[in-house]
Structures are given as structure tokens and as C-alpha cells.
Amino acid sequence: MSRVIRYGDNVDTDVIIPARYLNITDINELATHTMEDIDPDFHHKLKYADIIVAGKNFGCGSSREHAPLVLKQSGVSLVIAESFARIFYRNAINIGLAIIECPEASSKVEEGDELSADYRQGVITNSTQGSEYHFASFPAFLTNIIDNDGLIALITKGGLR
């Protein structure tokens, strides 16, 4: 079980990682600026939580791959949202960040709730509220990418056939 950090609709990539930091090449240093413009306490919250739950259109804006990279590098294990910008969705999967579209969870989960998610079975369990939310389970090729820490890592291991 992991705790939730909650955000609203239209969290864009420039909010996830502001463009003024894109000249930083060290991913660890870059990750220190994750979400700083909308949530100065983000890194403090990560001490007790590692799942983000958001509303509609998470990851909208530019197509920069930095956004899912800094979330993952910061310690975020999963992002659940009502919907994702398509390019963010693809970038997140490609780097091995688990993301789930689940409108019901997006509307009912609250900051601090304890969740677990099984993307193979298509179920999110909210132990705080005693409820479950269902979503379309991931196909095997996507779980393979996520389980292997991203597409490049999977290919490097010779696991994509």
C-alpha cells in the first residue's frame, strides 16, 4: 500500500518540470525541481506517499520526455488520472512509469488515502475507504515494458520479441 498525493485537472508538463530547468543534464538534480511551481511540498510529501492521483488531461502541454522521467526519478511509482495527454502516456510507458486511466478512482480518491493497484488484473484497492475501482487491465506487452523499467531497458535485455 502506498499513500496518495492529489492534484486536479490539466497538470501540464511545464508544471511537472518547468522549462527553465531543462538545461540541467543531471536527472537527479533536475528531479529536485519536480512540481515545485504548484506544490512546493512535493518532495516532503514523497516521504510518505508515492502515488499521484489527478483529474483530466494529466501531462498536457509540450511533448518533453523529462516530465515522466522526473516523476519516476523523484520516487513516484504510479500516476492515476481520469485521462492523460497521449504523448505523456506514451512517454511514461516508454520509460517504465506505471500510469492508469480510471475516472472513478480519479473522482473518489483523496489525498493521503492508501492504495494498491494491480495493472494486470485492472483493479485499484483503496484501503482507507474500503473500496475498489476497476479499469481496463494492461496488455502483456505493456506490463512487460513497465516491469522491465522501460522500453529501452527491455530491448537491451533482449526481452522484446
Protein backbone atom coordinates (compact mmCIF):
# COMPACT_ATOMS: atom_id res chain seq x y z
CA MET A 1 0.00 0.00 0.00
CA SER A 2 1.13 3.50 -0.81
CA ARG A 3 -0.30 6.87 0.04
CA VAL A 4 -1.68 9.37 -2.44
CA ILE A 5 -0.64 12.87 -3.42
CA ARG A 6 -3.62 14.56 -5.09
CA TYR A 7 -3.75 17.06 -7.98
CA GLY A 8 -6.52 18.47 -10.16
CA ASP A 9 -7.13 18.74 -13.91
CA ASN A 10 -4.71 19.85 -16.64
CA VAL A 11 -1.42 19.34 -14.83
CA ASP A 12 0.84 20.23 -17.73
CA THR A 13 4.41 19.20 -18.41
CA ASP A 14 5.68 22.72 -17.66
CA VAL A 15 4.21 22.39 -14.18
CA ILE A 16 5.66 18.91 -13.70
CA ILE A 17 9.13 20.19 -14.67
CA PRO A 18 9.40 23.90 -15.52
CA ALA A 19 11.16 24.68 -18.80
CA ARG A 20 13.64 26.98 -17.05
CA TYR A 21 15.38 23.86 -15.71
CA LEU A 22 15.65 21.89 -18.94
CA ASN A 23 19.29 22.94 -19.35
CA ILE A 24 20.13 20.70 -16.36
CA THR A 25 21.51 17.40 -17.65
CA ASP A 26 21.81 15.53 -14.34
CA ILE A 27 18.46 13.73 -13.85
CA ASN A 28 18.88 13.68 -10.06
CA GLU A 29 19.35 17.45 -9.94
CA LEU A 30 16.54 18.01 -12.44
CA ALA A 31 14.18 15.89 -10.33
CA THR A 32 14.65 18.23 -7.36
CA HIS A 33 12.51 20.76 -9.25
CA THR A 34 9.58 18.40 -9.88
CA MET A 35 6.20 20.05 -9.23
CA GLU A 36 7.83 22.98 -7.44
CA ASP A 37 5.61 25.63 -9.06
CA ILE A 38 2.32 24.07 -7.94
CA ASP A 39 3.41 22.11 -4.88
CA PRO A 40 6.48 23.36 -3.01
CA ASP A 41 5.99 20.49 -0.51
CA PHE A 42 6.06 17.78 -3.21
CA HIS A 43 9.37 16.25 -2.16
CA HIS A 44 8.38 16.33 1.51
CA LYS A 45 5.13 14.50 0.63
CA LEU A 46 7.14 11.82 -1.18
CA LYS A 47 8.50 10.72 2.19
CA TYR A 48 5.10 9.18 2.94
CA ALA A 49 3.45 8.89 -0.48
CA ASP A 50 4.45 7.76 -3.96
CA ILE A 51 1.22 7.60 -5.95
CA ILE A 52 -0.16 10.65 -7.75
CA VAL A 53 -3.90 10.80 -8.40
CA ALA A 54 -5.07 13.58 -10.70
CA GLY A 55 -8.01 14.68 -12.81
CA LYS A 56 -8.37 15.13 -16.54
CA ASN A 57 -5.59 15.62 -19.07
CA PHE A 58 -2.57 14.90 -16.86
CA GLY A 59 0.68 15.64 -18.70
CA CYS A 60 -0.80 18.02 -21.28
CA GLY A 61 1.40 20.64 -22.91
CA SER A 62 4.72 20.01 -24.56
CA SER A 63 5.92 16.56 -25.54
CA ARG A 64 9.01 16.62 -23.35
CA GLU A 65 10.04 13.25 -22.02
CA HIS A 66 11.52 14.99 -18.99
CA ALA A 67 8.09 15.11 -17.29
CA PRO A 68 7.59 11.38 -16.68
CA LEU A 69 11.34 10.95 -16.13
CA VAL A 70 11.47 13.40 -13.22
CA LEU A 71 8.33 11.92 -11.67
CA LYS A 72 9.88 8.47 -11.75
CA GLN A 73 13.28 9.74 -10.58
CA SER A 74 11.60 11.57 -7.69
CA GLY A 75 10.12 8.29 -6.47
CA VAL A 76 6.62 8.33 -7.93
CA SER A 77 5.65 4.71 -8.58
CA LEU A 78 2.25 5.25 -10.21
CA VAL A 79 0.10 8.02 -11.66
CA ILE A 80 -3.67 7.53 -11.76
CA ALA A 81 -5.78 10.07 -13.63
CA GLU A 82 -9.14 10.44 -15.29
CA SER A 83 -7.25 10.92 -18.54
CA PHE A 84 -3.74 11.59 -19.83
CA ALA A 85 -2.36 13.60 -22.70
CA ARG A 86 -1.50 10.96 -25.30
CA ILE A 87 2.17 11.92 -25.68
CA PHE A 88 2.66 11.88 -21.90
CA TYR A 89 1.02 8.45 -21.75
CA ARG A 90 3.39 7.06 -24.39
CA ASN A 91 6.45 8.70 -22.83
CA ALA A 92 5.55 7.36 -19.37
CA ILE A 93 5.13 3.79 -20.60
CA ASN A 94 8.35 4.04 -22.64
CA ILE A 95 10.37 4.96 -19.54
CA GLY A 96 8.63 2.41 -17.32
CA LEU A 97 6.40 4.69 -15.24
CA ALA A 98 3.11 2.95 -14.47
CA ILE A 99 0.05 5.05 -15.31
CA ILE A 100 -3.62 4.14 -15.07
CA GLU A 101 -6.67 5.86 -16.53
CA CYS A 102 -9.50 5.36 -14.06
CA PRO A 103 -12.16 8.09 -13.86
CA GLU A 104 -13.81 6.53 -10.80
CA ALA A 105 -10.59 6.47 -8.77
CA SER A 106 -9.74 9.95 -10.00
CA SER A 107 -13.00 11.34 -8.65
CA LYS A 108 -13.13 9.42 -5.34
CA VAL A 109 -9.58 9.02 -4.05
CA GLU A 110 -8.42 11.68 -1.61
CA GLU A 111 -5.01 12.99 -0.57
CA GLY A 112 -3.43 10.59 1.92
CA ASP A 113 -5.59 7.58 1.02
CA GLU A 114 -3.72 4.28 0.95
CA LEU A 115 -3.90 2.49 -2.41
CA SER A 116 -2.58 -0.56 -4.15
CA ALA A 117 -3.01 -1.22 -7.85
CA ASP A 118 -2.77 -4.32 -9.98
CA TYR A 119 -2.49 -3.27 -13.61
CA ARG A 120 -2.57 -6.91 -14.73
CA GLN A 121 -5.95 -7.51 -13.10
CA GLY A 122 -7.31 -3.99 -13.63
CA VAL A 123 -8.13 -3.17 -10.02
CA ILE A 124 -7.18 -0.38 -7.62
CA THR A 125 -7.83 -1.05 -3.93
CA ASN A 126 -8.39 1.88 -1.59
CA SER A 127 -7.81 0.51 1.92
CA THR A 128 -8.61 3.87 3.51
CA GLN A 129 -12.12 3.99 2.07
CA GLY A 130 -12.61 0.22 1.80
CA SER A 131 -13.37 0.37 -1.91
CA GLU A 132 -12.17 -0.92 -5.27
CA TYR A 133 -12.06 0.76 -8.65
CA HIS A 134 -11.82 -1.14 -11.91
CA PHE A 135 -10.07 -0.21 -15.15
CA ALA A 136 -9.01 -1.95 -18.34
CA SER A 137 -6.08 -4.20 -17.45
CA PHE A 138 -2.83 -3.66 -19.29
CA PRO A 139 -1.99 -5.98 -22.17
CA ALA A 140 1.03 -8.23 -21.64
CA PHE A 141 3.36 -6.16 -23.83
CA LEU A 142 2.75 -3.03 -21.70
CA THR A 143 3.24 -4.85 -18.41
CA ASN A 144 6.45 -6.25 -19.85
CA ILE A 145 7.72 -2.72 -20.62
CA ILE A 146 6.78 -1.39 -17.16
CA ASP A 147 8.14 -4.44 -15.31
CA ASN A 148 11.46 -4.08 -17.12
CA ASP A 149 11.89 -0.39 -16.26
CA GLY A 150 11.06 0.91 -19.73
CA LEU A 151 11.26 0.10 -23.41
CA ILE A 152 14.98 0.73 -23.86
CA ALA A 153 15.84 -1.45 -20.84
CA LEU A 154 13.58 -4.20 -22.18
CA ILE A 155 15.20 -4.09 -25.62
CA THR A 156 18.68 -4.04 -24.07
CA LYS A 157 17.80 -7.18 -22.12
CA GLY A 158 16.62 -8.82 -25.34
CA GLY A 159 13.10 -9.13 -23.98
CA LEU A 160 11.17 -7.65 -26.88
CA ARG A 161 10.28 -10.35 -29.37
